[in-house]
Amino acid sequence: MSEQTLESPKNFEEKLFLVGRILMSLLFFVPAYRKASSIDGTIAYFGKLGLPFPEITVYVVVAFEFIVAICFLLGWRIKLVAYLMAAFSIAAGLIAHQFWSVDPAQLGNQLNHLLKNGAVAGGFIMAALLADRFSNAPAEEHND
């Protein structure tokens, strides 16, 4: 019979933190890919939202989403990147899901999307707060 080795709780938590980073990175990878795959449609949507210079903004947003997703996934400067992703999630929610200005039939849907963005931001804030616990980098690199 083979001897089973029990993993330490810390190793298990580190693996779960990685799984969480993978899943949370998808929240930025997938929309960036979808925006990049339909640039003309995204430019039109950004224009409808009233974003300035939608022909330029679309590329800035796509680049930002891809870059932060890669950094977060790879664990590079997790604390800083997670805070940026939280801020972006809140800003995107407030810009794209203005439940207070839609017709009553859309109010619930837009409110749910805004709340989802808030929850996502909360997850990134928690990831930022846990970053030091699960990083192998020296402590001075964590002080963003």
C-alpha atoms as a PDB file:
ATOM      1  CA  MET A   1       0.000   0.000   0.000  1.00  0.00           C
ATOM      2  CA  SER A   2       1.356   3.430  -0.876  1.00  0.00           C
ATOM      3  CA  GLU A   3       1.810   6.087   1.744  1.00  0.00           C
ATOM      4  CA  GLN A   4      -0.430   9.108   1.292  1.00  0.00           C
ATOM      5  CA  THR A   5       1.116  12.481   1.824  1.00  0.00           C
ATOM      6  CA  LEU A   6      -1.152  15.145   3.218  1.00  0.00           C
ATOM      7  CA  GLU A   7      -0.682  18.589   1.809  1.00  0.00           C
ATOM      8  CA  SER A   8      -0.199  21.422   4.228  1.00  0.00           C
ATOM      9  CA  PRO A   9      -3.150  23.799   4.446  1.00  0.00           C
ATOM     10  CA  LYS A  10      -0.882  26.621   3.188  1.00  0.00           C
ATOM     11  CA  ASN A  11      -0.031  24.698  -0.017  1.00  0.00           C
ATOM     12  CA  PHE A  12      -3.698  23.932  -0.580  1.00  0.00           C
ATOM     13  CA  GLU A  13      -4.626  27.592  -0.070  1.00  0.00           C
ATOM     14  CA  GLU A  14      -1.886  28.657  -2.496  1.00  0.00           C
ATOM     15  CA  LYS A  15      -3.380  26.348  -5.129  1.00  0.00           C
ATOM     16  CA  LEU A  16      -6.849  27.731  -4.474  1.00  0.00           C
ATOM     17  CA  PHE A  17      -5.479  31.274  -4.787  1.00  0.00           C
ATOM     18  CA  LEU A  18      -4.064  30.321  -8.198  1.00  0.00           C
ATOM     19  CA  VAL A  19      -7.417  28.817  -9.252  1.00  0.00           C
ATOM     20  CA  GLY A  20      -9.094  32.042  -8.149  1.00  0.00           C
ATOM     21  CA  ARG A  21      -6.595  34.108 -10.146  1.00  0.00           C
ATOM     22  CA  ILE A  22      -7.246  31.977 -13.234  1.00  0.00           C
ATOM     23  CA  LEU A  23     -11.011  32.385 -12.921  1.00  0.00           C
ATOM     24  CA  MET A  24     -10.813  36.102 -12.172  1.00  0.00           C
ATOM     25  CA  SER A  25      -8.411  36.671 -15.078  1.00  0.00           C
ATOM     26  CA  LEU A  26     -11.047  35.253 -17.410  1.00  0.00           C
ATOM     27  CA  LEU A  27     -13.299  38.164 -16.442  1.00  0.00           C
ATOM     28  CA  PHE A  28     -10.836  40.385 -18.307  1.00  0.00           C
ATOM     29  CA  PHE A  29      -9.476  38.018 -20.989  1.00  0.00           C
ATOM     30  CA  VAL A  30     -12.868  37.083 -22.434  1.00  0.00           C
ATOM     31  CA  PRO A  31     -14.295  40.616 -22.720  1.00  0.00           C
ATOM     32  CA  ALA A  32     -11.001  41.884 -24.176  1.00  0.00           C
ATOM     33  CA  TYR A  33     -11.078  39.126 -26.787  1.00  0.00           C
ATOM     34  CA  ARG A  34     -14.726  39.818 -27.595  1.00  0.00           C
ATOM     35  CA  LYS A  35     -14.080  43.556 -27.951  1.00  0.00           C
ATOM     36  CA  ALA A  36     -11.034  42.923 -30.150  1.00  0.00           C
ATOM     37  CA  SER A  37     -13.013  40.454 -32.277  1.00  0.00           C
ATOM     38  CA  SER A  38     -15.674  43.044 -33.005  1.00  0.00           C
ATOM     39  CA  ILE A  39     -13.849  46.370 -33.016  1.00  0.00           C
ATOM     40  CA  ASP A  40     -16.447  48.195 -35.143  1.00  0.00           C
ATOM     41  CA  GLY A  41     -19.306  47.037 -32.923  1.00  0.00           C
ATOM     42  CA  THR A  42     -17.365  47.943 -29.789  1.00  0.00           C
ATOM     43  CA  ILE A  43     -16.550  51.397 -31.148  1.00  0.00           C
ATOM     44  CA  ALA A  44     -20.256  51.940 -31.840  1.00  0.00           C
ATOM     45  CA  TYR A  45     -21.153  50.725 -28.334  1.00  0.00           C
ATOM     46  CA  PHE A  46     -18.525  52.952 -26.703  1.00  0.00           C
ATOM     47  CA  GLY A  47     -19.893  55.882 -28.725  1.00  0.00           C
ATOM     48  CA  LYS A  48     -23.415  55.086 -27.539  1.00  0.00           C
ATOM     49  CA  LEU A  49     -22.146  55.085 -23.949  1.00  0.00           C
ATOM     50  CA  GLY A  50     -20.704  58.554 -24.524  1.00  0.00           C
ATOM     51  CA  LEU A  51     -17.066  57.576 -24.070  1.00  0.00           C
ATOM     52  CA  PRO A  52     -14.650  60.109 -25.566  1.00  0.00           C
ATOM     53  CA  PHE A  53     -12.826  59.169 -28.756  1.00  0.00           C
ATOM     54  CA  PRO A  54     -14.309  55.659 -28.992  1.00  0.00           C
ATOM     55  CA  GLU A  55     -12.003  54.825 -31.943  1.00  0.00           C
ATOM     56  CA  ILE A  56      -9.027  55.228 -29.591  1.00  0.00           C
ATOM     57  CA  THR A  57     -10.651  54.264 -26.297  1.00  0.00           C
ATOM     58  CA  VAL A  58     -11.481  50.797 -27.587  1.00  0.00           C
ATOM     59  CA  TYR A  59      -7.806  49.976 -28.132  1.00  0.00           C
ATOM     60  CA  VAL A  60      -6.815  51.408 -24.752  1.00  0.00           C
ATOM     61  CA  VAL A  61      -9.496  49.335 -23.006  1.00  0.00           C
ATOM     62  CA  VAL A  62      -8.646  46.127 -24.882  1.00  0.00           C
ATOM     63  CA  ALA A  63      -4.929  46.558 -24.156  1.00  0.00           C
ATOM     64  CA  PHE A  64      -5.612  47.324 -20.493  1.00  0.00           C
ATOM     65  CA  GLU A  65      -7.864  44.283 -20.090  1.00  0.00           C
ATOM     66  CA  PHE A  66      -5.348  41.937 -21.720  1.00  0.00           C
ATOM     67  CA  ILE A  67      -2.361  43.328 -19.820  1.00  0.00           C
ATOM     68  CA  VAL A  68      -3.926  43.274 -16.366  1.00  0.00           C
ATOM     69  CA  ALA A  69      -5.356  39.800 -16.964  1.00  0.00           C
ATOM     70  CA  ILE A  70      -1.915  38.464 -17.895  1.00  0.00           C
ATOM     71  CA  CYS A  71      -0.236  40.206 -14.942  1.00  0.00           C
ATOM     72  CA  PHE A  72      -2.851  38.967 -12.479  1.00  0.00           C
ATOM     73  CA  LEU A  73      -2.732  35.435 -13.860  1.00  0.00           C
ATOM     74  CA  LEU A  74       1.073  35.312 -13.673  1.00  0.00           C
ATOM     75  CA  GLY A  75       1.093  36.843 -10.207  1.00  0.00           C
ATOM     76  CA  TRP A  76       3.097  39.917 -11.178  1.00  0.00           C
ATOM     77  CA  ARG A  77       2.470  42.779  -8.707  1.00  0.00           C
ATOM     78  CA  ILE A  78      -0.836  41.182  -7.732  1.00  0.00           C
ATOM     79  CA  LYS A  79      -1.714  43.833  -5.165  1.00  0.00           C
ATOM     80  CA  LEU A  80      -1.359  46.778  -7.562  1.00  0.00           C
ATOM     81  CA  VAL A  81      -2.942  44.939 -10.485  1.00  0.00           C
ATOM     82  CA  ALA A  82      -5.876  43.738  -8.375  1.00  0.00           C
ATOM     83  CA  TYR A  83      -6.585  47.283  -7.202  1.00  0.00           C
ATOM     84  CA  LEU A  84      -6.487  48.491 -10.830  1.00  0.00           C
ATOM     85  CA  MET A  85      -8.865  45.710 -11.849  1.00  0.00           C
ATOM     86  CA  ALA A  86     -11.212  46.620  -8.983  1.00  0.00           C
ATOM     87  CA  ALA A  87     -11.241  50.285 -10.002  1.00  0.00           C
ATOM     88  CA  PHE A  88     -11.831  49.344 -13.648  1.00  0.00           C
ATOM     89  CA  SER A  89     -14.715  47.037 -12.683  1.00  0.00           C
ATOM     90  CA  ILE A  90     -16.412  49.804 -10.714  1.00  0.00           C
ATOM     91  CA  ALA A  91     -15.866  52.390 -13.463  1.00  0.00           C
ATOM     92  CA  ALA A  92     -17.106  50.011 -16.170  1.00  0.00           C
ATOM     93  CA  GLY A  93     -20.187  49.211 -14.112  1.00  0.00           C
ATOM     94  CA  LEU A  94     -21.030  52.863 -13.552  1.00  0.00           C
ATOM     95  CA  ILE A  95     -20.505  53.721 -17.219  1.00  0.00           C
ATOM     96  CA  ALA A  96     -22.214  50.734 -18.840  1.00  0.00           C
ATOM     97  CA  HIS A  97     -24.978  49.847 -16.354  1.00  0.00           C
ATOM     98  CA  GLN A  98     -26.700  53.103 -15.485  1.00  0.00           C
ATOM     99  CA  PHE A  99     -29.848  51.520 -14.063  1.00  0.00           C
ATOM    100  CA  TRP A 100     -31.075  54.925 -12.890  1.00  0.00           C
ATOM    101  CA  SER A 101     -31.482  56.196 -16.451  1.00  0.00           C
ATOM    102  CA  VAL A 102     -33.040  53.228 -18.273  1.00  0.00           C
ATOM    103  CA  ASP A 103     -36.663  52.390 -18.892  1.00  0.00           C
ATOM    104  CA  PRO A 104     -38.343  50.398 -16.085  1.00  0.00           C
ATOM    105  CA  ALA A 105     -38.203  47.146 -18.078  1.00  0.00           C
ATOM    106  CA  GLN A 106     -34.372  47.288 -18.064  1.00  0.00           C
ATOM    107  CA  LEU A 107     -33.898  48.580 -14.521  1.00  0.00           C
ATOM    108  CA  GLY A 108     -33.554  45.172 -12.830  1.00  0.00           C
ATOM    109  CA  ASN A 109     -31.166  43.825 -15.449  1.00  0.00           C
ATOM    110  CA  GLN A 110     -28.910  46.875 -15.365  1.00  0.00           C
ATOM    111  CA  LEU A 111     -28.960  46.993 -11.555  1.00  0.00           C
ATOM    112  CA  ASN A 112     -27.936  43.314 -11.414  1.00  0.00           C
ATOM    113  CA  HIS A 113     -25.043  43.963 -13.794  1.00  0.00           C
ATOM    114  CA  LEU A 114     -23.883  46.954 -11.747  1.00  0.00           C
ATOM    115  CA  LEU A 115     -24.041  44.871  -8.551  1.00  0.00           C
ATOM    116  CA  LYS A 116     -22.081  42.103 -10.292  1.00  0.00           C
ATOM    117  CA  ASN A 117     -19.372  44.586 -11.201  1.00  0.00           C
ATOM    118  CA  GLY A 118     -19.305  45.701  -7.581  1.00  0.00           C
ATOM    119  CA  ALA A 119     -18.944  42.099  -6.415  1.00  0.00           C
ATOM    120  CA  VAL A 120     -16.130  41.518  -8.908  1.00  0.00           C
ATOM    121  CA  ALA A 121     -14.389  44.638  -7.586  1.00  0.00           C
ATOM    122  CA  GLY A 122     -14.809  43.256  -4.070  1.00  0.00           C
ATOM    123  CA  GLY A 123     -13.155  40.014  -5.149  1.00  0.00           C
ATOM    124  CA  PHE A 124     -10.196  41.912  -6.590  1.00  0.00           C
ATOM    125  CA  ILE A 125      -9.887  43.947  -3.398  1.00  0.00           C
ATOM    126  CA  MET A 126      -9.809  40.722  -1.374  1.00  0.00           C
ATOM    127  CA  ALA A 127      -7.192  39.299  -3.736  1.00  0.00           C
ATOM    128  CA  ALA A 128      -5.087  42.423  -3.218  1.00  0.00           C
ATOM    129  CA  LEU A 129      -5.364  42.050   0.547  1.00  0.00           C
ATOM    130  CA  LEU A 130      -4.320  38.380   0.352  1.00  0.00           C
ATOM    131  CA  ALA A 131      -1.515  38.929  -2.161  1.00  0.00           C
ATOM    132  CA  ASP A 132       1.284  39.130   0.403  1.00  0.00           C
ATOM    133  CA  ARG A 133       0.170  35.890   2.019  1.00  0.00           C
ATOM    134  CA  PHE A 134       0.524  33.873  -1.189  1.00  0.00           C
ATOM    135  CA  SER A 135       3.533  35.488  -2.838  1.00  0.00           C
ATOM    136  CA  ASN A 136       7.091  34.208  -2.769  1.00  0.00           C
ATOM    137  CA  ALA A 137       8.555  37.634  -3.537  1.00  0.00           C
ATOM    138  CA  PRO A 138      10.421  39.568  -0.854  1.00  0.00           C
ATOM    139  CA  ALA A 139       8.193  41.767   1.305  1.00  0.00           C
ATOM    140  CA  GLU A 140       9.535  45.051  -0.088  1.00  0.00           C
ATOM    141  CA  GLU A 141       8.133  44.139  -3.525  1.00  0.00           C
ATOM    142  CA  HIS A 142       4.632  43.995  -2.057  1.00  0.00           C
ATOM    143  CA  ASN A 143       4.479  47.536  -0.821  1.00  0.00           C
ATOM    144  CA  ASP A 144       2.730  49.104  -3.792  1.00  0.00           C
END
